[in-house]
Amino acid sequence: MKKEFSLRSLYLYAASFTALLFFLFGAVSSVTNLVALWQGESYYQTYTQFRTMYAKEDGGQSLKEDTEELKLAYQEEVSQYEMMERKRTVKNLSGSLTALILGVFFWQLFWKQTKSDD
């Protein structure tokens, strides 16, 4: 018994494969974003680098003195960065979970159709 290959079956297999890749991308992305959300991103600049950058803006005055104002400015910068990174990670996580769910849904849909054609 020889199976005929039609354009419809080729389309269904290609769509199933695409949906499976979509699922895999969503799964890997979801794991990556979950780890980033759990572990958190560290701020890219140390206090010394921040102080040097800040000193360039005020003519070098703050490099001589380690003020409480400068430490508070650094803490504010770090907290804003962490909040921004957390929001970005949650947004990316929702997108990757959507890809994961839709990938599974469409893969099952197309795969059932390929099996019903047999």
PDB file of N, CA and C in Angstrom:
ATOM      1  N   MET A   1       0.831  -1.167   0.000  1.00  0.00           N
ATOM      2  CA  MET A   1       0.000   0.000   0.000  1.00  0.00           C
ATOM      3  C   MET A   1       0.885   1.242   0.000  1.00  0.00           C
ATOM      4  N   LYS A   2       0.797   1.991  -1.050  1.00  0.00           N
ATOM      5  CA  LYS A   2       1.614   3.175  -1.204  1.00  0.00           C
ATOM      6  C   LYS A   2       0.818   4.412  -0.797  1.00  0.00           C
ATOM      7  N   LYS A   3       1.438   5.266   0.016  1.00  0.00           N
ATOM      8  CA  LYS A   3       0.767   6.472   0.486  1.00  0.00           C
ATOM      9  C   LYS A   3       1.035   7.613  -0.493  1.00  0.00           C
ATOM     10  N   GLU A   4      -0.027   8.305  -0.860  1.00  0.00           N
ATOM     11  CA  GLU A   4       0.135   9.452  -1.753  1.00  0.00           C
ATOM     12  C   GLU A   4       0.432  10.696  -0.941  1.00  0.00           C
ATOM     13  N   PHE A   5       1.289  11.505  -1.482  1.00  0.00           N
ATOM     14  CA  PHE A   5       1.662  12.733  -0.823  1.00  0.00           C
ATOM     15  C   PHE A   5       0.990  13.891  -1.543  1.00  0.00           C
ATOM     16  N   SER A   6       0.122  14.604  -0.850  1.00  0.00           N
ATOM     17  CA  SER A   6      -0.602  15.711  -1.471  1.00  0.00           C
ATOM     18  C   SER A   6      -0.061  17.044  -0.970  1.00  0.00           C
ATOM     19  N   LEU A   7      -0.484  18.085  -1.620  1.00  0.00           N
ATOM     20  CA  LEU A   7      -0.094  19.431  -1.210  1.00  0.00           C
ATOM     21  C   LEU A   7      -0.654  19.758   0.177  1.00  0.00           C
ATOM     22  N   ARG A   8      -1.850  19.255   0.471  1.00  0.00           N
ATOM     23  CA  ARG A   8      -2.469  19.476   1.779  1.00  0.00           C
ATOM     24  C   ARG A   8      -1.635  18.826   2.891  1.00  0.00           C
ATOM     25  N   SER A   9      -1.188  17.595   2.666  1.00  0.00           N
ATOM     26  CA  SER A   9      -0.397  16.933   3.705  1.00  0.00           C
ATOM     27  C   SER A   9       0.960  17.626   3.881  1.00  0.00           C
ATOM     28  N   LEU A  10       1.526  18.105   2.786  1.00  0.00           N
ATOM     29  CA  LEU A  10       2.776  18.850   2.878  1.00  0.00           C
ATOM     30  C   LEU A  10       2.571  20.125   3.705  1.00  0.00           C
ATOM     31  N   TYR A  11       1.461  20.812   3.457  1.00  0.00           N
ATOM     32  CA  TYR A  11       1.135  22.019   4.232  1.00  0.00           C
ATOM     33  C   TYR A  11       0.962  21.678   5.714  1.00  0.00           C
ATOM     34  N   LEU A  12       0.238  20.615   6.011  1.00  0.00           N
ATOM     35  CA  LEU A  12      -0.017  20.245   7.407  1.00  0.00           C
ATOM     36  C   LEU A  12       1.264  19.848   8.134  1.00  0.00           C
ATOM     37  N   TYR A  13       2.142  19.117   7.450  1.00  0.00           N
ATOM     38  CA  TYR A  13       3.418  18.761   8.069  1.00  0.00           C
ATOM     39  C   TYR A  13       4.291  19.996   8.293  1.00  0.00           C
ATOM     40  N   ALA A  14       4.314  20.902   7.324  1.00  0.00           N
ATOM     41  CA  ALA A  14       5.096  22.137   7.477  1.00  0.00           C
ATOM     42  C   ALA A  14       4.533  23.000   8.609  1.00  0.00           C
ATOM     43  N   ALA A  15       3.209  23.102   8.692  1.00  0.00           N
ATOM     44  CA  ALA A  15       2.584  23.888   9.756  1.00  0.00           C
ATOM     45  C   ALA A  15       2.834  23.234  11.119  1.00  0.00           C
ATOM     46  N   SER A  16       2.793  21.920  11.186  1.00  0.00           N
ATOM     47  CA  SER A  16       3.076  21.215  12.438  1.00  0.00           C
ATOM     48  C   SER A  16       4.513  21.460  12.883  1.00  0.00           C
ATOM     49  N   PHE A  17       5.423  21.389  11.936  1.00  0.00           N
ATOM     50  CA  PHE A  17       6.829  21.630  12.243  1.00  0.00           C
ATOM     51  C   PHE A  17       7.052  23.064  12.724  1.00  0.00           C
ATOM     52  N   THR A  18       6.410  24.022  12.069  1.00  0.00           N
ATOM     53  CA  THR A  18       6.528  25.420  12.467  1.00  0.00           C
ATOM     54  C   THR A  18       5.962  25.635  13.866  1.00  0.00           C
ATOM     55  N   ALA A  19       4.820  25.046  14.151  1.00  0.00           N
ATOM     56  CA  ALA A  19       4.218  25.173  15.482  1.00  0.00           C
ATOM     57  C   ALA A  19       5.100  24.519  16.538  1.00  0.00           C
ATOM     58  N   LEU A  20       5.728  23.405  16.186  1.00  0.00           N
ATOM     59  CA  LEU A  20       6.636  22.746  17.126  1.00  0.00           C
ATOM     60  C   LEU A  20       7.856  23.619  17.422  1.00  0.00           C
ATOM     61  N   LEU A  21       8.393  24.268  16.394  1.00  0.00           N
ATOM     62  CA  LEU A  21       9.501  25.201  16.604  1.00  0.00           C
ATOM     63  C   LEU A  21       9.073  26.394  17.456  1.00  0.00           C
ATOM     64  N   PHE A  22       7.859  26.865  17.219  1.00  0.00           N
ATOM     65  CA  PHE A  22       7.298  27.961  18.010  1.00  0.00           C
ATOM     66  C   PHE A  22       7.223  27.551  19.481  1.00  0.00           C
ATOM     67  N   PHE A  23       6.764  26.334  19.726  1.00  0.00           N
ATOM     68  CA  PHE A  23       6.691  25.796  21.087  1.00  0.00           C
ATOM     69  C   PHE A  23       8.080  25.717  21.721  1.00  0.00           C
ATOM     70  N   LEU A  24       9.040  25.189  20.980  1.00  0.00           N
ATOM     71  CA  LEU A  24      10.397  25.048  21.518  1.00  0.00           C
ATOM     72  C   LEU A  24      11.009  26.410  21.843  1.00  0.00           C
ATOM     73  N   PHE A  25      10.812  27.381  20.961  1.00  0.00           N
ATOM     74  CA  PHE A  25      11.303  28.728  21.217  1.00  0.00           C
ATOM     75  C   PHE A  25      10.650  29.294  22.478  1.00  0.00           C
ATOM     76  N   GLY A  26       9.349  29.104  22.620  1.00  0.00           N
ATOM     77  CA  GLY A  26       8.639  29.579  23.800  1.00  0.00           C
ATOM     78  C   GLY A  26       9.114  28.906  25.071  1.00  0.00           C
ATOM     79  N   ALA A  27       9.405  27.612  24.992  1.00  0.00           N
ATOM     80  CA  ALA A  27       9.874  26.878  26.173  1.00  0.00           C
ATOM     81  C   ALA A  27      11.250  27.376  26.623  1.00  0.00           C
ATOM     82  N   VAL A  28      12.166  27.500  25.686  1.00  0.00           N
ATOM     83  CA  VAL A  28      13.515  27.962  26.028  1.00  0.00           C
ATOM     84  C   VAL A  28      13.463  29.399  26.547  1.00  0.00           C
ATOM     85  N   SER A  29      12.697  30.233  25.891  1.00  0.00           N
ATOM     86  CA  SER A  29      12.561  31.627  26.315  1.00  0.00           C
ATOM     87  C   SER A  29      11.927  31.731  27.701  1.00  0.00           C
ATOM     88  N   SER A  30      10.928  30.900  27.967  1.00  0.00           N
ATOM     89  CA  SER A  30      10.263  30.919  29.268  1.00  0.00           C
ATOM     90  C   SER A  30      11.227  30.537  30.379  1.00  0.00           C
ATOM     91  N   VAL A  31      12.007  29.501  30.157  1.00  0.00           N
ATOM     92  CA  VAL A  31      12.978  29.075  31.166  1.00  0.00           C
ATOM     93  C   VAL A  31      14.010  30.175  31.403  1.00  0.00           C
ATOM     94  N   THR A  32      14.497  30.775  30.332  1.00  0.00           N
ATOM     95  CA  THR A  32      15.476  31.851  30.453  1.00  0.00           C
ATOM     96  C   THR A  32      14.911  33.025  31.245  1.00  0.00           C
ATOM     97  N   ASN A  33      13.669  33.409  30.934  1.00  0.00           N
ATOM     98  CA  ASN A  33      13.052  34.534  31.632  1.00  0.00           C
ATOM     99  C   ASN A  33      12.722  34.201  33.083  1.00  0.00           C
ATOM    100  N   LEU A  34      12.332  32.964  33.358  1.00  0.00           N
ATOM    101  CA  LEU A  34      12.078  32.565  34.743  1.00  0.00           C
ATOM    102  C   LEU A  34      13.354  32.618  35.578  1.00  0.00           C
ATOM    103  N   VAL A  35      14.450  32.170  35.002  1.00  0.00           N
ATOM    104  CA  VAL A  35      15.730  32.223  35.709  1.00  0.00           C
ATOM    105  C   VAL A  35      16.133  33.675  35.939  1.00  0.00           C
ATOM    106  N   ALA A  36      15.957  34.527  34.928  1.00  0.00           N
ATOM    107  CA  ALA A  36      16.294  35.948  35.082  1.00  0.00           C
ATOM    108  C   ALA A  36      15.419  36.612  36.133  1.00  0.00           C
ATOM    109  N   LEU A  37      14.154  36.215  36.195  1.00  0.00           N
ATOM    110  CA  LEU A  37      13.246  36.780  37.186  1.00  0.00           C
ATOM    111  C   LEU A  37      13.612  36.303  38.590  1.00  0.00           C
ATOM    112  N   TRP A  38      13.990  35.047  38.705  1.00  0.00           N
ATOM    113  CA  TRP A  38      14.357  34.480  39.993  1.00  0.00           C
ATOM    114  C   TRP A  38      15.703  35.009  40.473  1.00  0.00           C
ATOM    115  N   GLN A  39      16.667  35.037  39.570  1.00  0.00           N
ATOM    116  CA  GLN A  39      18.021  35.423  39.939  1.00  0.00           C
ATOM    117  C   GLN A  39      18.199  36.934  39.973  1.00  0.00           C
ATOM    118  N   GLY A  40      17.534  37.633  39.090  1.00  0.00           N
ATOM    119  CA  GLY A  40      17.676  39.085  39.024  1.00  0.00           C
ATOM    120  C   GLY A  40      18.920  39.503  38.262  1.00  0.00           C
ATOM    121  N   GLU A  41      18.847  40.691  37.721  1.00  0.00           N
ATOM    122  CA  GLU A  41      19.980  41.246  36.986  1.00  0.00           C
ATOM    123  C   GLU A  41      20.755  42.168  37.923  1.00  0.00           C
ATOM    124  N   SER A  42      22.066  42.076  37.880  1.00  0.00           N
ATOM    125  CA  SER A  42      22.853  42.979  38.700  1.00  0.00           C
ATOM    126  C   SER A  42      23.096  44.279  37.933  1.00  0.00           C
ATOM    127  N   TYR A  43      23.215  45.356  38.674  1.00  0.00           N
ATOM    128  CA  TYR A  43      23.443  46.666  38.066  1.00  0.00           C
ATOM    129  C   TYR A  43      24.813  46.656  37.417  1.00  0.00           C
ATOM    130  N   TYR A  44      24.905  47.263  36.245  1.00  0.00           N
ATOM    131  CA  TYR A  44      26.117  47.166  35.436  1.00  0.00           C
ATOM    132  C   TYR A  44      27.254  48.073  35.908  1.00  0.00           C
ATOM    133  N   GLN A  45      26.978  48.985  36.831  1.00  0.00           N
ATOM    134  CA  GLN A  45      27.971  49.983  37.209  1.00  0.00           C
ATOM    135  C   GLN A  45      28.224  49.922  38.727  1.00  0.00           C
ATOM    136  N   THR A  46      29.489  49.892  39.103  1.00  0.00           N
ATOM    137  CA  THR A  46      29.815  49.895  40.525  1.00  0.00           C
ATOM    138  C   THR A  46      29.672  51.316  41.085  1.00  0.00           C
ATOM    139  N   TYR A  47      29.698  51.400  42.401  1.00  0.00           N
ATOM    140  CA  TYR A  47      29.584  52.713  43.038  1.00  0.00           C
ATOM    141  C   TYR A  47      30.754  53.611  42.640  1.00  0.00           C
ATOM    142  N   THR A  48      31.948  53.056  42.543  1.00  0.00           N
ATOM    143  CA  THR A  48      33.127  53.841  42.161  1.00  0.00           C
ATOM    144  C   THR A  48      32.978  54.393  40.748  1.00  0.00           C
ATOM    145  N   GLN A  49      32.491  53.571  39.825  1.00  0.00           N
ATOM    146  CA  GLN A  49      32.270  54.046  38.462  1.00  0.00           C
ATOM    147  C   GLN A  49      31.195  55.125  38.424  1.00  0.00           C
ATOM    148  N   PHE A  50      30.142  54.934  39.205  1.00  0.00           N
ATOM    149  CA  PHE A  50      29.068  55.924  39.272  1.00  0.00           C
ATOM    150  C   PHE A  50      29.607  57.246  39.821  1.00  0.00           C
ATOM    151  N   ARG A  51      30.424  57.167  40.862  1.00  0.00           N
ATOM    152  CA  ARG A  51      30.993  58.369  41.470  1.00  0.00           C
ATOM    153  C   ARG A  51      31.900  59.105  40.490  1.00  0.00           C
ATOM    154  N   THR A  52      32.685  58.357  39.718  1.00  0.00           N
ATOM    155  CA  THR A  52      33.554  58.963  38.709  1.00  0.00           C
ATOM    156  C   THR A  52      32.729  59.639  37.622  1.00  0.00           C
ATOM    157  N   MET A  53      31.682  58.987  37.171  1.00  0.00           N
ATOM    158  CA  MET A  53      30.812  59.567  36.151  1.00  0.00           C
ATOM    159  C   MET A  53      30.138  60.836  36.686  1.00  0.00           C
ATOM    160  N   TYR A  54      29.678  60.760  37.908  1.00  0.00           N
ATOM    161  CA  TYR A  54      29.013  61.903  38.538  1.00  0.00           C
ATOM    162  C   TYR A  54      30.000  63.062  38.718  1.00  0.00           C
ATOM    163  N   ALA A  55      31.259  62.738  39.007  1.00  0.00           N
ATOM    164  CA  ALA A  55      32.290  63.767  39.198  1.00  0.00           C
ATOM    165  C   ALA A  55      32.572  64.503  37.897  1.00  0.00           C
ATOM    166  N   LYS A  56      32.486  63.824  36.772  1.00  0.00           N
ATOM    167  CA  LYS A  56      32.703  64.479  35.484  1.00  0.00           C
ATOM    168  C   LYS A  56      31.626  65.525  35.228  1.00  0.00           C
ATOM    169  N   GLU A  57      30.412  65.263  35.748  1.00  0.00           N
ATOM    170  CA  GLU A  57      29.306  66.189  35.538  1.00  0.00           C
ATOM    171  C   GLU A  57      29.410  67.429  36.415  1.00  0.00           C
ATOM    172  N   ASP A  58      29.981  67.297  37.594  1.00  0.00           N
ATOM    173  CA  ASP A  58      30.044  68.455  38.497  1.00  0.00           C
ATOM    174  C   ASP A  58      31.462  69.042  38.630  1.00  0.00           C
ATOM    175  N   GLY A  59      32.323  68.752  37.707  1.00  0.00           N
ATOM    176  CA  GLY A  59      33.658  69.353  37.690  1.00  0.00           C
ATOM    177  C   GLY A  59      34.652  68.721  38.645  1.00  0.00           C
ATOM    178  N   GLY A  60      34.397  67.540  39.128  1.00  0.00           N
ATOM    179  CA  GLY A  60      35.343  66.821  39.970  1.00  0.00           C
ATOM    180  C   GLY A  60      35.173  67.026  41.460  1.00  0.00           C
ATOM    181  N   GLN A  61      34.194  67.801  41.882  1.00  0.00           N
ATOM    182  CA  GLN A  61      33.981  68.063  43.306  1.00  0.00           C
ATOM    183  C   GLN A  61      33.602  66.791  44.068  1.00  0.00           C
ATOM    184  N   SER A  62      32.710  66.001  43.518  1.00  0.00           N
ATOM    185  CA  SER A  62      32.204  64.830  44.245  1.00  0.00           C
ATOM    186  C   SER A  62      33.235  63.700  44.324  1.00  0.00           C
ATOM    187  N   LEU A  63      34.289  63.788  43.523  1.00  0.00           N
ATOM    188  CA  LEU A  63      35.325  62.767  43.587  1.00  0.00           C
ATOM    189  C   LEU A  63      36.132  62.898  44.884  1.00  0.00           C
ATOM    190  N   LYS A  64      36.212  64.109  45.390  1.00  0.00           N
ATOM    191  CA  LYS A  64      36.962  64.350  46.614  1.00  0.00           C
ATOM    192  C   LYS A  64      36.174  63.951  47.848  1.00  0.00           C
ATOM    193  N   GLU A  65      34.871  64.100  47.791  1.00  0.00           N
ATOM    194  CA  GLU A  65      34.039  63.810  48.955  1.00  0.00           C
ATOM    195  C   GLU A  65      33.034  62.712  48.650  1.00  0.00           C
ATOM    196  N   ASP A  66      32.851  61.857  49.598  1.00  0.00           N
ATOM    197  CA  ASP A  66      31.920  60.744  49.464  1.00  0.00           C
ATOM    198  C   ASP A  66      30.653  61.098  50.247  1.00  0.00           C
ATOM    199  N   THR A  67      29.769  61.837  49.627  1.00  0.00           N
ATOM    200  CA  THR A  67      28.616  62.381  50.335  1.00  0.00           C
ATOM    201  C   THR A  67      27.476  61.378  50.429  1.00  0.00           C
ATOM    202  N   GLU A  68      26.615  61.638  51.376  1.00  0.00           N
ATOM    203  CA  GLU A  68      25.412  60.820  51.555  1.00  0.00           C
ATOM    204  C   GLU A  68      24.471  61.007  50.367  1.00  0.00           C
ATOM    205  N   GLU A  69      24.481  62.213  49.811  1.00  0.00           N
ATOM    206  CA  GLU A  69      23.634  62.511  48.653  1.00  0.00           C
ATOM    207  C   GLU A  69      24.033  61.652  47.456  1.00  0.00           C
ATOM    208  N   LEU A  70      25.322  61.493  47.274  1.00  0.00           N
ATOM    209  CA  LEU A  70      25.827  60.681  46.165  1.00  0.00           C
ATOM    210  C   LEU A  70      25.480  59.207  46.374  1.00  0.00           C
ATOM    211  N   LYS A  71      25.590  58.729  47.603  1.00  0.00           N
ATOM    212  CA  LYS A  71      25.225  57.339  47.891  1.00  0.00           C
ATOM    213  C   LYS A  71      23.737  57.100  47.675  1.00  0.00           C
ATOM    214  N   LEU A  72      22.912  58.075  48.066  1.00  0.00           N
ATOM    215  CA  LEU A  72      21.474  57.959  47.837  1.00  0.00           C
ATOM    216  C   LEU A  72      21.140  57.989  46.345  1.00  0.00           C
ATOM    217  N   ALA A  73      21.856  58.819  45.593  1.00  0.00           N
ATOM    218  CA  ALA A  73      21.644  58.883  44.141  1.00  0.00           C
ATOM    219  C   ALA A  73      21.995  57.548  43.489  1.00  0.00           C
ATOM    220  N   TYR A  74      23.068  56.926  43.969  1.00  0.00           N
ATOM    221  CA  TYR A  74      23.462  55.617  43.440  1.00  0.00           C
ATOM    222  C   TYR A  74      22.421  54.554  43.779  1.00  0.00           C
ATOM    223  N   GLN A  75      21.947  54.558  45.019  1.00  0.00           N
ATOM    224  CA  GLN A  75      20.921  53.585  45.419  1.00  0.00           C
ATOM    225  C   GLN A  75      19.638  53.775  44.609  1.00  0.00           C
ATOM    226  N   GLU A  76      19.284  55.020  44.352  1.00  0.00           N
ATOM    227  CA  GLU A  76      18.099  55.311  43.533  1.00  0.00           C
ATOM    228  C   GLU A  76      18.291  54.796  42.107  1.00  0.00           C
ATOM    229  N   GLU A  77      19.476  54.999  41.576  1.00  0.00           N
ATOM    230  CA  GLU A  77      19.796  54.518  40.225  1.00  0.00           C
ATOM    231  C   GLU A  77      19.700  52.992  40.162  1.00  0.00           C
ATOM    232  N   VAL A  78      20.245  52.327  41.157  1.00  0.00           N
ATOM    233  CA  VAL A  78      20.210  50.865  41.205  1.00  0.00           C
ATOM    234  C   VAL A  78      18.780  50.360  41.326  1.00  0.00           C
ATOM    235  N   SER A  79      17.984  50.970  42.200  1.00  0.00           N
ATOM    236  CA  SER A  79      16.602  50.510  42.378  1.00  0.00           C
ATOM    237  C   SER A  79      15.760  50.758  41.127  1.00  0.00           C
ATOM    238  N   GLN A  80      15.985  51.880  40.445  1.00  0.00           N
ATOM    239  CA  GLN A  80      15.265  52.141  39.191  1.00  0.00           C
ATOM    240  C   GLN A  80      15.651  51.119  38.127  1.00  0.00           C
ATOM    241  N   TYR A  81      16.934  50.800  38.051  1.00  0.00           N
ATOM    242  CA  TYR A  81      17.399  49.813  37.083  1.00  0.00           C
ATOM    243  C   TYR A  81      16.792  48.444  37.364  1.00  0.00           C
ATOM    244  N   GLU A  82      16.796  48.033  38.625  1.00  0.00           N
ATOM    245  CA  GLU A  82      16.239  46.721  38.983  1.00  0.00           C
ATOM    246  C   GLU A  82      14.741  46.655  38.701  1.00  0.00           C
ATOM    247  N   MET A  83      14.022  47.738  38.981  1.00  0.00           N
ATOM    248  CA  MET A  83      12.591  47.764  38.705  1.00  0.00           C
ATOM    249  C   MET A  83      12.327  47.691  37.193  1.00  0.00           C
ATOM    250  N   MET A  84      13.115  48.430  36.420  1.00  0.00           N
ATOM    251  CA  MET A  84      12.964  48.417  34.970  1.00  0.00           C
ATOM    252  C   MET A  84      13.273  47.022  34.399  1.00  0.00           C
ATOM    253  N   GLU A  85      14.332  46.394  34.896  1.00  0.00           N
ATOM    254  CA  GLU A  85      14.698  45.054  34.435  1.00  0.00           C
ATOM    255  C   GLU A  85      13.636  44.027  34.812  1.00  0.00           C
ATOM    256  N   ARG A  86      13.064  44.158  35.987  1.00  0.00           N
ATOM    257  CA  ARG A  86      12.014  43.235  36.422  1.00  0.00           C
ATOM    258  C   ARG A  86      10.782  43.361  35.540  1.00  0.00           C
ATOM    259  N   LYS A  87      10.389  44.595  35.232  1.00  0.00           N
ATOM    260  CA  LYS A  87       9.248  44.824  34.340  1.00  0.00           C
ATOM    261  C   LYS A  87       9.506  44.242  32.953  1.00  0.00           C
ATOM    262  N   ARG A  88      10.717  44.459  32.446  1.00  0.00           N
ATOM    263  CA  ARG A  88      11.079  43.930  31.121  1.00  0.00           C
ATOM    264  C   ARG A  88      11.049  42.408  31.123  1.00  0.00           C
ATOM    265  N   THR A  89      11.552  41.803  32.189  1.00  0.00           N
ATOM    266  CA  THR A  89      11.581  40.345  32.278  1.00  0.00           C
ATOM    267  C   THR A  89      10.178  39.765  32.372  1.00  0.00           C
ATOM    268  N   VAL A  90       9.299  40.405  33.135  1.00  0.00           N
ATOM    269  CA  VAL A  90       7.914  39.931  33.238  1.00  0.00           C
ATOM    270  C   VAL A  90       7.214  40.051  31.887  1.00  0.00           C
ATOM    271  N   LYS A  91       7.462  41.153  31.185  1.00  0.00           N
ATOM    272  CA  LYS A  91       6.874  41.338  29.849  1.00  0.00           C
ATOM    273  C   LYS A  91       7.377  40.259  28.887  1.00  0.00           C
ATOM    274  N   ASN A  92       8.670  40.005  28.907  1.00  0.00           N
ATOM    275  CA  ASN A  92       9.233  38.961  28.044  1.00  0.00           C
ATOM    276  C   ASN A  92       8.722  37.577  28.430  1.00  0.00           C
ATOM    277  N   LEU A  93       8.549  37.347  29.723  1.00  0.00           N
ATOM    278  CA  LEU A  93       8.034  36.060  30.187  1.00  0.00           C
ATOM    279  C   LEU A  93       6.609  35.836  29.693  1.00  0.00           C
ATOM    280  N   SER A  94       5.788  36.859  29.744  1.00  0.00           N
ATOM    281  CA  SER A  94       4.414  36.699  29.261  1.00  0.00           C
ATOM    282  C   SER A  94       4.397  36.399  27.763  1.00  0.00           C
ATOM    283  N   GLY A  95       5.273  37.029  27.014  1.00  0.00           N
ATOM    284  CA  GLY A  95       5.358  36.744  25.582  1.00  0.00           C
ATOM    285  C   GLY A  95       5.838  35.336  25.293  1.00  0.00           C
ATOM    286  N   SER A  96       6.823  34.868  26.038  1.00  0.00           N
ATOM    287  CA  SER A  96       7.340  33.521  25.801  1.00  0.00           C
ATOM    288  C   SER A  96       6.353  32.449  26.247  1.00  0.00           C
ATOM    289  N   LEU A  97       5.604  32.713  27.323  1.00  0.00           N
ATOM    290  CA  LEU A  97       4.561  31.762  27.734  1.00  0.00           C
ATOM    291  C   LEU A  97       3.437  31.704  26.708  1.00  0.00           C
ATOM    292  N   THR A  98       3.123  32.846  26.109  1.00  0.00           N
ATOM    293  CA  THR A  98       2.122  32.871  25.045  1.00  0.00           C
ATOM    294  C   THR A  98       2.585  32.034  23.855  1.00  0.00           C
ATOM    295  N   ALA A  99       3.850  32.177  23.476  1.00  0.00           N
ATOM    296  CA  ALA A  99       4.398  31.373  22.381  1.00  0.00           C
ATOM    297  C   ALA A  99       4.363  29.889  22.728  1.00  0.00           C
ATOM    298  N   LEU A 100       4.654  29.561  23.958  1.00  0.00           N
ATOM    299  CA  LEU A 100       4.622  28.170  24.413  1.00  0.00           C
ATOM    300  C   LEU A 100       3.213  27.589  24.299  1.00  0.00           C
ATOM    301  N   ILE A 101       2.227  28.312  24.797  1.00  0.00           N
ATOM    302  CA  ILE A 101       0.843  27.833  24.783  1.00  0.00           C
ATOM    303  C   ILE A 101       0.297  27.739  23.358  1.00  0.00           C
ATOM    304  N   LEU A 102       0.517  28.793  22.573  1.00  0.00           N
ATOM    305  CA  LEU A 102       0.018  28.770  21.194  1.00  0.00           C
ATOM    306  C   LEU A 102       0.727  27.714  20.349  1.00  0.00           C
ATOM    307  N   GLY A 103       2.023  27.527  20.611  1.00  0.00           N
ATOM    308  CA  GLY A 103       2.759  26.496  19.879  1.00  0.00           C
ATOM    309  C   GLY A 103       2.186  25.109  20.129  1.00  0.00           C
ATOM    310  N   VAL A 104       1.881  24.797  21.382  1.00  0.00           N
ATOM    311  CA  VAL A 104       1.283  23.495  21.712  1.00  0.00           C
ATOM    312  C   VAL A 104      -0.092  23.362  21.072  1.00  0.00           C
ATOM    313  N   PHE A 105      -0.890  24.411  21.183  1.00  0.00           N
ATOM    314  CA  PHE A 105      -2.244  24.369  20.637  1.00  0.00           C
ATOM    315  C   PHE A 105      -2.228  24.116  19.123  1.00  0.00           C
ATOM    316  N   PHE A 106      -1.445  24.920  18.399  1.00  0.00           N
ATOM    317  CA  PHE A 106      -1.424  24.768  16.942  1.00  0.00           C
ATOM    318  C   PHE A 106      -0.744  23.479  16.506  1.00  0.00           C
ATOM    319  N   TRP A 107       0.270  23.037  17.243  1.00  0.00           N
ATOM    320  CA  TRP A 107       0.908  21.774  16.882  1.00  0.00           C
ATOM    321  C   TRP A 107      -0.100  20.628  16.998  1.00  0.00           C
ATOM    322  N   GLN A 108      -0.845  20.595  18.096  1.00  0.00           N
ATOM    323  CA  GLN A 108      -1.855  19.544  18.260  1.00  0.00           C
ATOM    324  C   GLN A 108      -2.924  19.629  17.181  1.00  0.00           C
ATOM    325  N   LEU A 109      -3.345  20.838  16.865  1.00  0.00           N
ATOM    326  CA  LEU A 109      -4.366  21.033  15.852  1.00  0.00           C
ATOM    327  C   LEU A 109      -3.918  20.490  14.495  1.00  0.00           C
ATOM    328  N   PHE A 110      -2.735  20.905  14.063  1.00  0.00           N
ATOM    329  CA  PHE A 110      -2.238  20.462  12.753  1.00  0.00           C
ATOM    330  C   PHE A 110      -1.849  18.977  12.768  1.00  0.00           C
ATOM    331  N   TRP A 111      -1.298  18.503  13.873  1.00  0.00           N
ATOM    332  CA  TRP A 111      -0.880  17.102  13.916  1.00  0.00           C
ATOM    333  C   TRP A 111      -2.085  16.166  13.883  1.00  0.00           C
ATOM    334  N   LYS A 112      -3.158  16.545  14.560  1.00  0.00           N
ATOM    335  CA  LYS A 112      -4.383  15.732  14.490  1.00  0.00           C
ATOM    336  C   LYS A 112      -4.928  15.680  13.066  1.00  0.00           C
ATOM    337  N   GLN A 113      -4.834  16.788  12.356  1.00  0.00           N
ATOM    338  CA  GLN A 113      -5.316  16.816  10.975  1.00  0.00           C
ATOM    339  C   GLN A 113      -4.441  15.942  10.071  1.00  0.00           C
ATOM    340  N   THR A 114      -3.132  15.929  10.323  1.00  0.00           N
ATOM    341  CA  THR A 114      -2.283  15.056   9.500  1.00  0.00           C
ATOM    342  C   THR A 114      -2.585  13.594   9.780  1.00  0.00           C
ATOM    343  N   LYS A 115      -2.877  13.254  11.021  1.00  0.00           N
ATOM    344  CA  LYS A 115      -3.200  11.863  11.364  1.00  0.00           C
ATOM    345  C   LYS A 115      -4.575  11.458  10.858  1.00  0.00           C
ATOM    346  N   SER A 116      -5.512  12.403  10.772  1.00  0.00           N
ATOM    347  CA  SER A 116      -6.852  12.072  10.267  1.00  0.00           C
ATOM    348  C   SER A 116      -6.819  11.875   8.750  1.00  0.00           C
ATOM    349  N   ASP A 117      -5.819  12.449   8.078  1.00  0.00           N
ATOM    350  CA  ASP A 117      -5.695  12.271   6.625  1.00  0.00           C
ATOM    351  C   ASP A 117      -5.150  10.892   6.267  1.00  0.00           C
ATOM    352  N   ASP A 118      -4.491  10.232   7.220  1.00  0.00           N
ATOM    353  CA  ASP A 118      -3.878   8.920   6.940  1.00  0.00           C
ATOM    354  C   ASP A 118      -4.879   7.841   6.715  1.00  0.00           C
TER     355      ASP A 118
END
